[in-house]
Amino acid sequence: MSTAKPSPTTPIERRPANDKKPTPRPVAQAPVAQTPVPVSILVRPYGYIRVDNGARSAEPLAQHSAALLAGTHMVTISCDYCEDARESIEVRPGAENVFRLRAQLKASRLSFDVEPADALVRVGEETRTARDTQTRPFDIPSVRGPAVFQHRVEYELSRSGYRTEKRVAYIEPGKSDIVRGVLVPE
């Protein structure tokens, strides 16, 4: 038996005591690009939309399709008969992302040319004479998201000695209209 030690197959590397291995540096990763999410915006009754500060949609529709990045967006709803209405939406990846938004019709004004001129006119909770409505018409606001683009106004005409009449007027948004008539004596 031999007392000789086998020679190592791999040479031993000798380093000075102050020699350190290089510290691995993190590799800069490119930011992950967000993918736009399909979105459906339903406008009642219909209208244009503008998302954030983008361009207005080409057509006033009841249903708009868009692709938006996840997050909060401001949608402006408008139309020829509407005041601009703004609503915030939250787009979520993997969610349905259907938003039901409502247009805001422009207010209208209604006055009365009725005989006798001192007949009382009541619209909602307000009452004034027909004569007064000539210089101070009733302001007719709209609820948000009406089914049609017109105001439906219920009014009552009354004066002692005459039959009280209850009627309905339909007015285009943003317009002024005059109801004309004569009360019938009792």
N, C-alpha and C. Protein backbone atom coordinates (compact mmCIF):
# COMPACT_ATOMS: atom_id res chain seq x y z
N MET A 1 0.81 -1.16 0.00
CA MET A 1 0.00 0.00 0.00
C MET A 1 0.86 1.23 0.00
N SER A 2 0.43 2.09 -0.74
CA SER A 2 1.21 3.30 -0.90
C SER A 2 0.70 4.33 0.10
N THR A 3 1.60 5.05 0.70
CA THR A 3 1.23 6.09 1.63
C THR A 3 1.12 7.45 0.94
N ALA A 4 1.30 7.48 -0.32
CA ALA A 4 1.21 8.74 -1.06
C ALA A 4 -0.24 9.17 -1.18
N LYS A 5 -0.46 10.48 -1.10
CA LYS A 5 -1.82 11.02 -1.21
C LYS A 5 -2.14 11.25 -2.67
N PRO A 6 -3.39 11.01 -3.05
CA PRO A 6 -3.73 11.25 -4.45
C PRO A 6 -3.68 12.73 -4.75
N SER A 7 -3.29 13.07 -5.94
CA SER A 7 -3.22 14.48 -6.31
C SER A 7 -4.63 14.98 -6.65
N PRO A 8 -4.89 16.22 -6.27
CA PRO A 8 -6.24 16.75 -6.57
C PRO A 8 -6.39 16.93 -8.06
N THR A 9 -7.62 16.69 -8.52
CA THR A 9 -7.89 16.83 -9.94
C THR A 9 -8.19 18.27 -10.31
N THR A 10 -8.64 19.08 -9.36
CA THR A 10 -8.94 20.47 -9.62
C THR A 10 -7.98 21.32 -8.84
N PRO A 11 -7.30 22.27 -9.50
CA PRO A 11 -6.38 23.10 -8.75
C PRO A 11 -7.13 23.99 -7.76
N ILE A 12 -6.58 24.24 -6.62
CA ILE A 12 -7.20 25.08 -5.60
C ILE A 12 -6.88 26.53 -5.94
N GLU A 13 -7.91 27.36 -5.91
CA GLU A 13 -7.74 28.78 -6.22
C GLU A 13 -7.47 29.51 -4.93
N ARG A 14 -6.46 30.28 -4.94
CA ARG A 14 -6.09 31.04 -3.75
C ARG A 14 -6.44 32.52 -4.00
N ARG A 15 -7.14 33.15 -3.02
CA ARG A 15 -7.49 34.57 -3.13
C ARG A 15 -6.94 35.32 -1.94
N PRO A 16 -6.65 36.58 -2.16
CA PRO A 16 -6.23 37.37 -1.01
C PRO A 16 -7.43 37.55 -0.07
N ALA A 17 -7.20 37.78 1.22
CA ALA A 17 -8.25 37.90 2.22
C ALA A 17 -9.17 39.08 1.96
N ASN A 18 -8.70 40.14 1.36
CA ASN A 18 -9.55 41.32 1.12
C ASN A 18 -10.26 41.27 -0.23
N ASP A 19 -10.07 40.22 -0.99
CA ASP A 19 -10.72 40.10 -2.30
C ASP A 19 -12.14 39.57 -2.10
N LYS A 20 -13.15 40.37 -2.53
CA LYS A 20 -14.55 39.96 -2.39
C LYS A 20 -15.11 39.62 -3.75
N LYS A 21 -16.14 38.77 -3.72
CA LYS A 21 -16.84 38.45 -4.97
C LYS A 21 -17.66 39.67 -5.38
N PRO A 22 -17.88 39.92 -6.67
CA PRO A 22 -18.70 41.07 -7.08
C PRO A 22 -20.14 40.87 -6.62
N THR A 23 -20.72 41.95 -6.14
CA THR A 23 -22.12 41.91 -5.69
C THR A 23 -23.03 41.97 -6.90
N PRO A 24 -23.97 41.04 -6.99
CA PRO A 24 -24.87 41.10 -8.16
C PRO A 24 -25.74 42.35 -8.10
N ARG A 25 -25.90 42.99 -9.21
CA ARG A 25 -26.73 44.19 -9.31
C ARG A 25 -28.07 43.82 -9.93
N PRO A 26 -29.18 44.41 -9.40
CA PRO A 26 -30.48 44.09 -10.00
C PRO A 26 -30.56 44.64 -11.42
N VAL A 27 -31.16 43.86 -12.28
CA VAL A 27 -31.32 44.27 -13.67
C VAL A 27 -32.55 45.15 -13.75
N ALA A 28 -32.43 46.33 -14.34
CA ALA A 28 -33.57 47.22 -14.51
C ALA A 28 -34.56 46.58 -15.46
N GLN A 29 -35.82 46.51 -14.99
CA GLN A 29 -36.86 45.90 -15.82
C GLN A 29 -37.68 47.00 -16.48
N ALA A 30 -38.07 46.75 -17.68
CA ALA A 30 -38.91 47.70 -18.40
C ALA A 30 -40.28 47.72 -17.73
N PRO A 31 -40.94 48.90 -17.63
CA PRO A 31 -42.27 48.95 -17.02
C PRO A 31 -43.25 48.10 -17.83
N VAL A 32 -44.15 47.45 -17.10
CA VAL A 32 -45.15 46.61 -17.74
C VAL A 32 -46.22 47.52 -18.33
N ALA A 33 -46.44 47.42 -19.61
CA ALA A 33 -47.44 48.26 -20.28
C ALA A 33 -48.83 47.72 -19.95
N GLN A 34 -49.73 48.66 -19.57
CA GLN A 34 -51.10 48.25 -19.30
C GLN A 34 -51.82 48.00 -20.62
N THR A 35 -52.70 47.06 -20.58
CA THR A 35 -53.50 46.74 -21.75
C THR A 35 -54.86 47.42 -21.60
N PRO A 36 -55.33 48.11 -22.63
CA PRO A 36 -56.66 48.71 -22.55
C PRO A 36 -57.74 47.64 -22.31
N VAL A 37 -58.75 48.03 -21.55
CA VAL A 37 -59.84 47.14 -21.17
C VAL A 37 -61.09 47.55 -21.96
N PRO A 38 -61.84 46.58 -22.52
CA PRO A 38 -63.08 46.95 -23.22
C PRO A 38 -64.11 47.53 -22.24
N VAL A 39 -64.74 48.62 -22.66
CA VAL A 39 -65.70 49.34 -21.83
C VAL A 39 -66.94 49.63 -22.66
N SER A 40 -68.12 49.54 -22.04
CA SER A 40 -69.38 49.91 -22.68
C SER A 40 -70.00 51.04 -21.85
N ILE A 41 -70.29 52.17 -22.51
CA ILE A 41 -70.91 53.30 -21.83
C ILE A 41 -72.28 53.51 -22.44
N LEU A 42 -73.32 53.31 -21.61
CA LEU A 42 -74.71 53.46 -22.04
C LEU A 42 -75.18 54.85 -21.61
N VAL A 43 -75.70 55.63 -22.54
CA VAL A 43 -76.15 56.99 -22.25
C VAL A 43 -77.66 57.05 -22.45
N ARG A 44 -78.38 57.51 -21.41
CA ARG A 44 -79.83 57.64 -21.52
C ARG A 44 -80.18 59.10 -21.67
N PRO A 45 -81.01 59.52 -22.65
CA PRO A 45 -81.49 58.69 -23.74
C PRO A 45 -80.40 58.42 -24.77
N TYR A 46 -79.57 59.41 -25.09
CA TYR A 46 -78.40 59.20 -25.94
C TYR A 46 -77.57 60.48 -25.89
N GLY A 47 -76.34 60.41 -26.38
CA GLY A 47 -75.50 61.60 -26.38
C GLY A 47 -74.08 61.30 -26.81
N TYR A 48 -73.31 62.35 -26.90
CA TYR A 48 -71.87 62.23 -27.18
C TYR A 48 -71.18 61.94 -25.85
N ILE A 49 -69.99 61.33 -25.93
CA ILE A 49 -69.16 61.18 -24.74
C ILE A 49 -67.76 61.71 -25.02
N ARG A 50 -67.10 62.16 -23.97
CA ARG A 50 -65.68 62.54 -24.02
C ARG A 50 -65.07 61.93 -22.77
N VAL A 51 -64.03 61.13 -22.95
CA VAL A 51 -63.37 60.49 -21.82
C VAL A 51 -62.11 61.27 -21.49
N ASP A 52 -62.01 61.65 -20.22
CA ASP A 52 -60.90 62.47 -19.72
C ASP A 52 -60.79 63.72 -20.60
N ASN A 53 -59.66 64.00 -21.17
CA ASN A 53 -59.52 65.19 -22.03
C ASN A 53 -59.44 64.81 -23.50
N GLY A 54 -59.98 63.63 -23.84
CA GLY A 54 -59.92 63.15 -25.21
C GLY A 54 -60.95 63.85 -26.11
N ALA A 55 -61.00 63.39 -27.33
CA ALA A 55 -61.93 63.96 -28.30
C ALA A 55 -63.35 63.47 -28.03
N ARG A 56 -64.32 64.28 -28.44
CA ARG A 56 -65.72 63.91 -28.32
C ARG A 56 -66.03 62.81 -29.32
N SER A 57 -66.92 61.90 -28.95
CA SER A 57 -67.31 60.83 -29.88
C SER A 57 -67.90 61.43 -31.15
N ALA A 58 -67.80 60.70 -32.23
CA ALA A 58 -68.26 61.21 -33.53
C ALA A 58 -69.78 61.31 -33.62
N GLU A 59 -70.48 60.43 -32.92
CA GLU A 59 -71.94 60.38 -33.01
C GLU A 59 -72.57 60.39 -31.62
N PRO A 60 -73.77 60.97 -31.50
CA PRO A 60 -74.50 60.88 -30.22
C PRO A 60 -75.27 59.54 -30.20
N LEU A 61 -74.79 58.61 -29.41
CA LEU A 61 -75.35 57.26 -29.39
C LEU A 61 -75.91 56.92 -28.01
N ALA A 62 -76.73 55.87 -27.97
CA ALA A 62 -77.21 55.34 -26.70
C ALA A 62 -76.19 54.37 -26.10
N GLN A 63 -75.35 53.76 -26.94
CA GLN A 63 -74.32 52.85 -26.46
C GLN A 63 -72.99 53.15 -27.16
N HIS A 64 -71.97 53.40 -26.35
CA HIS A 64 -70.63 53.67 -26.85
C HIS A 64 -69.71 52.54 -26.40
N SER A 65 -68.81 52.11 -27.28
CA SER A 65 -67.79 51.12 -26.93
C SER A 65 -66.44 51.82 -26.96
N ALA A 66 -65.59 51.48 -25.99
CA ALA A 66 -64.26 52.09 -25.92
C ALA A 66 -63.31 51.09 -25.30
N ALA A 67 -62.03 51.37 -25.41
CA ALA A 67 -60.99 50.59 -24.73
C ALA A 67 -60.20 51.58 -23.89
N LEU A 68 -60.26 51.40 -22.56
CA LEU A 68 -59.61 52.33 -21.64
C LEU A 68 -58.66 51.58 -20.72
N LEU A 69 -57.65 52.28 -20.25
CA LEU A 69 -56.75 51.69 -19.27
C LEU A 69 -57.48 51.56 -17.93
N ALA A 70 -57.10 50.59 -17.14
CA ALA A 70 -57.69 50.41 -15.82
C ALA A 70 -57.45 51.67 -15.00
N GLY A 71 -58.42 52.03 -14.17
CA GLY A 71 -58.29 53.20 -13.31
C GLY A 71 -59.51 54.09 -13.41
N THR A 72 -59.42 55.26 -12.81
CA THR A 72 -60.52 56.22 -12.77
C THR A 72 -60.48 57.13 -13.98
N HIS A 73 -61.63 57.33 -14.59
CA HIS A 73 -61.74 58.21 -15.76
C HIS A 73 -62.93 59.14 -15.57
N MET A 74 -62.85 60.35 -16.13
CA MET A 74 -63.96 61.31 -16.10
C MET A 74 -64.62 61.31 -17.47
N VAL A 75 -65.93 61.03 -17.49
CA VAL A 75 -66.69 60.99 -18.74
C VAL A 75 -67.62 62.19 -18.77
N THR A 76 -67.59 62.95 -19.87
CA THR A 76 -68.49 64.08 -20.08
C THR A 76 -69.54 63.65 -21.10
N ILE A 77 -70.82 63.80 -20.73
CA ILE A 77 -71.94 63.45 -21.60
C ILE A 77 -72.52 64.76 -22.12
N SER A 78 -72.76 64.84 -23.44
CA SER A 78 -73.31 66.06 -24.01
C SER A 78 -74.21 65.71 -25.20
N CYS A 79 -75.03 66.67 -25.60
CA CYS A 79 -75.85 66.55 -26.80
C CYS A 79 -76.35 67.93 -27.16
N ASP A 80 -77.01 68.06 -28.28
CA ASP A 80 -77.50 69.37 -28.72
C ASP A 80 -78.55 69.94 -27.78
N TYR A 81 -79.28 69.08 -27.05
CA TYR A 81 -80.34 69.51 -26.15
C TYR A 81 -79.91 69.45 -24.69
N CYS A 82 -78.62 69.14 -24.45
CA CYS A 82 -78.15 68.87 -23.09
C CYS A 82 -77.13 69.88 -22.60
N GLU A 83 -77.06 69.97 -21.28
CA GLU A 83 -75.94 70.64 -20.64
C GLU A 83 -74.89 69.57 -20.41
N ASP A 84 -73.62 69.93 -20.43
CA ASP A 84 -72.58 68.94 -20.17
C ASP A 84 -72.76 68.37 -18.77
N ALA A 85 -72.71 67.06 -18.67
CA ALA A 85 -72.79 66.36 -17.39
C ALA A 85 -71.53 65.51 -17.26
N ARG A 86 -70.89 65.55 -16.11
CA ARG A 86 -69.65 64.81 -15.90
C ARG A 86 -69.87 63.73 -14.84
N GLU A 87 -69.33 62.55 -15.13
CA GLU A 87 -69.40 61.45 -14.17
C GLU A 87 -68.08 60.70 -14.18
N SER A 88 -67.71 60.23 -13.01
CA SER A 88 -66.47 59.47 -12.85
C SER A 88 -66.79 57.98 -12.96
N ILE A 89 -65.94 57.24 -13.68
CA ILE A 89 -66.10 55.79 -13.78
C ILE A 89 -64.79 55.13 -13.34
N GLU A 90 -64.90 53.92 -12.83
CA GLU A 90 -63.73 53.15 -12.39
C GLU A 90 -63.65 51.90 -13.26
N VAL A 91 -62.65 51.85 -14.13
CA VAL A 91 -62.44 50.72 -15.04
C VAL A 91 -61.56 49.70 -14.33
N ARG A 92 -62.03 48.44 -14.32
CA ARG A 92 -61.29 47.38 -13.64
C ARG A 92 -60.98 46.25 -14.62
N PRO A 93 -59.73 45.79 -14.64
CA PRO A 93 -59.41 44.67 -15.53
C PRO A 93 -60.15 43.42 -15.05
N GLY A 94 -60.66 42.65 -16.00
CA GLY A 94 -61.35 41.41 -15.67
C GLY A 94 -62.79 41.60 -15.23
N ALA A 95 -63.26 42.85 -15.15
CA ALA A 95 -64.65 43.12 -14.75
C ALA A 95 -65.49 43.39 -15.99
N GLU A 96 -66.81 43.46 -15.80
CA GLU A 96 -67.72 43.68 -16.93
C GLU A 96 -67.57 45.08 -17.54
N ASN A 97 -67.37 46.12 -16.72
CA ASN A 97 -67.13 47.50 -17.16
C ASN A 97 -68.23 48.03 -18.08
N VAL A 98 -69.47 47.95 -17.61
CA VAL A 98 -70.62 48.56 -18.29
C VAL A 98 -71.08 49.70 -17.39
N PHE A 99 -71.13 50.90 -17.94
CA PHE A 99 -71.48 52.07 -17.16
C PHE A 99 -72.73 52.71 -17.73
N ARG A 100 -73.72 52.96 -16.88
CA ARG A 100 -74.98 53.58 -17.28
C ARG A 100 -74.96 55.04 -16.84
N LEU A 101 -74.85 55.94 -17.81
CA LEU A 101 -74.75 57.37 -17.52
C LEU A 101 -75.97 58.08 -18.10
N ARG A 102 -76.29 59.24 -17.50
CA ARG A 102 -77.51 59.94 -17.90
C ARG A 102 -77.21 61.35 -18.39
N ALA A 103 -77.85 61.71 -19.48
CA ALA A 103 -77.71 63.06 -20.03
C ALA A 103 -78.56 64.02 -19.18
N GLN A 104 -78.16 65.29 -19.17
CA GLN A 104 -78.89 66.34 -18.44
C GLN A 104 -79.46 67.33 -19.45
N LEU A 105 -80.79 67.30 -19.63
CA LEU A 105 -81.42 68.22 -20.58
C LEU A 105 -81.28 69.66 -20.12
N LYS A 106 -81.21 70.56 -21.10
CA LYS A 106 -81.20 71.99 -20.79
C LYS A 106 -82.57 72.37 -20.23
N ALA A 107 -82.59 73.32 -19.33
CA ALA A 107 -83.85 73.81 -18.77
C ALA A 107 -84.61 74.60 -19.84
N SER A 108 -85.92 74.62 -19.71
CA SER A 108 -86.77 75.39 -20.61
C SER A 108 -87.51 76.44 -19.79
N ARG A 109 -88.22 77.34 -20.50
CA ARG A 109 -89.00 78.39 -19.82
C ARG A 109 -90.41 78.37 -20.39
N LEU A 110 -91.38 78.54 -19.50
CA LEU A 110 -92.79 78.47 -19.90
C LEU A 110 -93.55 79.67 -19.35
N SER A 111 -94.24 80.36 -20.26
CA SER A 111 -95.09 81.48 -19.85
C SER A 111 -96.50 81.23 -20.39
N PHE A 112 -97.46 82.04 -19.90
CA PHE A 112 -98.87 81.83 -20.24
C PHE A 112 -99.49 83.13 -20.71
N ASP A 113 -100.20 83.04 -21.84
CA ASP A 113 -100.99 84.15 -22.38
C ASP A 113 -102.43 83.67 -22.32
N VAL A 114 -103.07 83.89 -21.17
CA VAL A 114 -104.39 83.33 -20.90
C VAL A 114 -105.35 84.45 -20.52
N GLU A 115 -106.60 84.32 -20.95
CA GLU A 115 -107.66 85.24 -20.55
C GLU A 115 -108.55 84.53 -19.55
N PRO A 116 -108.84 85.13 -18.45
CA PRO A 116 -108.40 86.44 -18.00
C PRO A 116 -106.94 86.43 -17.56
N ALA A 117 -106.26 87.55 -17.74
CA ALA A 117 -104.83 87.65 -17.47
C ALA A 117 -104.48 87.49 -16.00
N ASP A 118 -105.47 87.69 -15.10
CA ASP A 118 -105.19 87.53 -13.68
C ASP A 118 -105.49 86.10 -13.19
N ALA A 119 -105.72 85.18 -14.13
CA ALA A 119 -105.90 83.77 -13.77
C ALA A 119 -104.61 83.26 -13.13
N LEU A 120 -104.77 82.40 -12.15
CA LEU A 120 -103.59 81.83 -11.49
C LEU A 120 -103.09 80.62 -12.25
N VAL A 121 -101.79 80.54 -12.39
CA VAL A 121 -101.14 79.41 -13.05
C VAL A 121 -100.28 78.71 -12.01
N ARG A 122 -100.45 77.39 -11.89
CA ARG A 122 -99.62 76.62 -10.96
C ARG A 122 -98.83 75.59 -11.75
N VAL A 123 -97.52 75.62 -11.57
CA VAL A 123 -96.61 74.63 -12.15
C VAL A 123 -95.79 74.09 -10.99
N GLY A 124 -95.97 72.82 -10.70
CA GLY A 124 -95.29 72.24 -9.53
C GLY A 124 -95.77 72.93 -8.28
N GLU A 125 -94.85 73.46 -7.49
CA GLU A 125 -95.20 74.15 -6.24
C GLU A 125 -95.29 75.66 -6.41
N GLU A 126 -95.02 76.16 -7.63
CA GLU A 126 -95.03 77.60 -7.87
C GLU A 126 -96.37 78.05 -8.45
N THR A 127 -96.85 79.22 -7.99
CA THR A 127 -98.09 79.81 -8.50
C THR A 127 -97.86 81.29 -8.75
N ARG A 128 -98.34 81.77 -9.91
CA ARG A 128 -98.33 83.20 -10.21
C ARG A 128 -99.42 83.48 -11.24
N THR A 129 -99.72 84.73 -11.48
CA THR A 129 -100.75 85.05 -12.47
C THR A 129 -100.19 84.85 -13.87
N ALA A 130 -101.11 84.62 -14.82
CA ALA A 130 -100.70 84.46 -16.22
C ALA A 130 -99.95 85.71 -16.68
N ARG A 131 -100.41 86.89 -16.26
CA ARG A 131 -99.75 88.15 -16.63
C ARG A 131 -98.31 88.17 -16.12
N ASP A 132 -98.08 87.73 -14.88
CA ASP A 132 -96.73 87.73 -14.31
C ASP A 132 -95.78 86.78 -15.05
N THR A 133 -96.34 85.72 -15.63
CA THR A 133 -95.46 84.77 -16.33
C THR A 133 -94.87 85.38 -17.60
N GLN A 134 -95.46 86.46 -18.10
CA GLN A 134 -94.93 87.12 -19.29
C GLN A 134 -93.56 87.76 -19.01
N THR A 135 -93.39 88.27 -17.80
CA THR A 135 -92.11 88.89 -17.43
C THR A 135 -91.25 87.96 -16.57
N ARG A 136 -91.87 86.95 -15.97
CA ARG A 136 -91.14 86.00 -15.12
C ARG A 136 -91.64 84.59 -15.40
N PRO A 137 -91.18 84.01 -16.53
CA PRO A 137 -91.64 82.66 -16.90
C PRO A 137 -91.20 81.62 -15.87
N PHE A 138 -91.90 80.49 -15.90
CA PHE A 138 -91.51 79.36 -15.06
C PHE A 138 -90.26 78.72 -15.66
N ASP A 139 -89.28 78.42 -14.81
CA ASP A 139 -88.10 77.66 -15.24
C ASP A 139 -88.46 76.18 -15.12
N ILE A 140 -88.24 75.45 -16.19
CA ILE A 140 -88.58 74.02 -16.23
C ILE A 140 -87.30 73.21 -16.30
N PRO A 141 -86.85 72.70 -15.15
CA PRO A 141 -85.64 71.86 -15.16
C PRO A 141 -86.00 70.44 -15.57
N SER A 142 -84.98 69.63 -15.76
CA SER A 142 -85.21 68.24 -16.16
C SER A 142 -84.52 67.31 -15.17
N VAL A 143 -85.09 66.14 -15.04
CA VAL A 143 -84.39 65.10 -14.29
C VAL A 143 -83.28 64.58 -15.19
N ARG A 144 -82.24 63.99 -14.60
CA ARG A 144 -81.16 63.42 -15.40
C ARG A 144 -81.63 62.14 -16.05
N GLY A 145 -81.28 61.96 -17.31
CA GLY A 145 -81.56 60.73 -18.03
C GLY A 145 -83.01 60.48 -18.37
N PRO A 146 -83.73 61.49 -18.88
CA PRO A 146 -85.12 61.25 -19.25
C PRO A 146 -85.21 60.27 -20.42
N ALA A 147 -86.37 59.66 -20.59
CA ALA A 147 -86.55 58.70 -21.68
C ALA A 147 -86.60 59.39 -23.04
N VAL A 148 -87.07 60.64 -23.08
CA VAL A 148 -87.19 61.38 -24.34
C VAL A 148 -86.62 62.79 -24.16
N PHE A 149 -86.33 63.43 -25.29
CA PHE A 149 -85.77 64.78 -25.27
C PHE A 149 -86.88 65.83 -25.30
N GLN A 150 -87.68 65.86 -24.26
CA GLN A 150 -88.65 66.93 -24.08
C GLN A 150 -89.09 66.96 -22.63
N HIS A 151 -89.50 68.15 -22.21
CA HIS A 151 -90.01 68.32 -20.86
C HIS A 151 -91.52 68.09 -20.88
N ARG A 152 -92.00 67.36 -19.92
CA ARG A 152 -93.45 67.18 -19.73
C ARG A 152 -93.83 68.02 -18.52
N VAL A 153 -94.70 69.03 -18.75
CA VAL A 153 -95.04 69.98 -17.69
C VAL A 153 -96.54 69.90 -17.42
N GLU A 154 -96.88 69.53 -16.20
CA GLU A 154 -98.29 69.56 -15.78
C GLU A 154 -98.55 70.94 -15.17
N TYR A 155 -99.66 71.55 -15.58
CA TYR A 155 -99.99 72.87 -15.04
C TYR A 155 -101.48 72.96 -14.78
N GLU A 156 -101.84 73.94 -13.94
CA GLU A 156 -103.25 74.17 -13.60
C GLU A 156 -103.55 75.65 -13.76
N LEU A 157 -104.68 75.97 -14.41
CA LEU A 157 -105.16 77.33 -14.59
C LEU A 157 -106.44 77.48 -13.77
N SER A 158 -106.53 78.56 -12.97
CA SER A 158 -107.74 78.74 -12.15
C SER A 158 -108.01 80.22 -11.91
N ARG A 159 -109.30 80.52 -11.69
CA ARG A 159 -109.76 81.86 -11.28
C ARG A 159 -111.18 81.69 -10.83
N SER A 160 -111.56 82.41 -9.79
CA SER A 160 -112.94 82.29 -9.32
C SER A 160 -113.89 82.74 -10.44
N GLY A 161 -114.99 82.00 -10.57
CA GLY A 161 -115.96 82.29 -11.63
C GLY A 161 -115.65 81.57 -12.94
N TYR A 162 -114.56 80.82 -12.99
CA TYR A 162 -114.15 80.08 -14.20
C TYR A 162 -113.84 78.62 -13.84
N ARG A 163 -113.98 77.75 -14.82
CA ARG A 163 -113.63 76.34 -14.60
C ARG A 163 -112.12 76.19 -14.49
N THR A 164 -111.69 75.43 -13.48
CA THR A 164 -110.27 75.13 -13.33
C THR A 164 -109.87 74.11 -14.39
N GLU A 165 -108.74 74.33 -15.01
CA GLU A 165 -108.26 73.41 -16.05
C GLU A 165 -106.89 72.86 -15.65
N LYS A 166 -106.74 71.56 -15.81
CA LYS A 166 -105.45 70.89 -15.60
C LYS A 166 -105.03 70.32 -16.95
N ARG A 167 -103.82 70.68 -17.36
CA ARG A 167 -103.33 70.24 -18.66
C ARG A 167 -101.85 69.87 -18.59
N VAL A 168 -101.35 69.41 -19.74
CA VAL A 168 -99.95 69.04 -19.86
C VAL A 168 -99.38 69.73 -21.10
N ALA A 169 -98.20 70.29 -20.96
CA ALA A 169 -97.49 70.89 -22.10
C ALA A 169 -96.18 70.13 -22.30
N TYR A 170 -95.77 70.02 -23.54
CA TYR A 170 -94.49 69.39 -23.88
C TYR A 170 -93.61 70.46 -24.50
N ILE A 171 -92.40 70.60 -23.95
CA ILE A 171 -91.49 71.67 -24.39
C ILE A 171 -90.13 71.09 -24.73
N GLU A 172 -89.55 71.58 -25.83
CA GLU A 172 -88.20 71.16 -26.20
C GLU A 172 -87.20 71.70 -25.18
N PRO A 173 -86.18 70.93 -24.88
CA PRO A 173 -85.15 71.39 -23.95
C PRO A 173 -84.45 72.66 -24.46
N GLY A 174 -84.22 73.59 -23.55
CA GLY A 174 -83.50 74.81 -23.88
C GLY A 174 -84.34 75.85 -24.60
N LYS A 175 -85.61 75.60 -24.79
CA LYS A 175 -86.48 76.53 -25.52
C LYS A 175 -87.44 77.24 -24.57
N SER A 176 -88.01 78.33 -25.05
CA SER A 176 -89.08 79.03 -24.34
C SER A 176 -90.37 78.78 -25.09
N ASP A 177 -91.46 78.64 -24.36
CA ASP A 177 -92.75 78.39 -25.01
C ASP A 177 -93.82 79.19 -24.28
N ILE A 178 -94.90 79.47 -25.01
CA ILE A 178 -96.04 80.20 -24.44
C ILE A 178 -97.29 79.35 -24.62
N VAL A 179 -98.02 79.15 -23.53
CA VAL A 179 -99.32 78.47 -23.59
C VAL A 179 -100.37 79.56 -23.73
N ARG A 180 -101.23 79.44 -24.75
CA ARG A 180 -102.28 80.43 -24.99
C ARG A 180 -103.63 79.77 -24.75
N GLY A 181 -104.57 80.55 -24.24
CA GLY A 181 -105.90 79.99 -24.03
C GLY A 181 -106.85 80.97 -23.36
N VAL A 182 -108.09 80.51 -23.25
CA VAL A 182 -109.14 81.29 -22.61
C VAL A 182 -109.86 80.36 -21.65
N LEU A 183 -110.00 80.80 -20.38
CA LEU A 183 -110.74 79.99 -19.41
C LEU A 183 -112.24 80.12 -19.69
N VAL A 184 -112.96 79.06 -19.42
CA VAL A 184 -114.40 79.00 -19.67
C VAL A 184 -115.12 79.39 -18.38
N PRO A 185 -116.05 80.38 -18.49
CA PRO A 185 -116.81 80.78 -17.29
C PRO A 185 -117.65 79.60 -16.78
N GLU A 186 -117.91 79.59 -15.44
CA GLU A 186 -118.75 78.52 -14.86
C GLU A 186 -120.20 78.79 -15.15
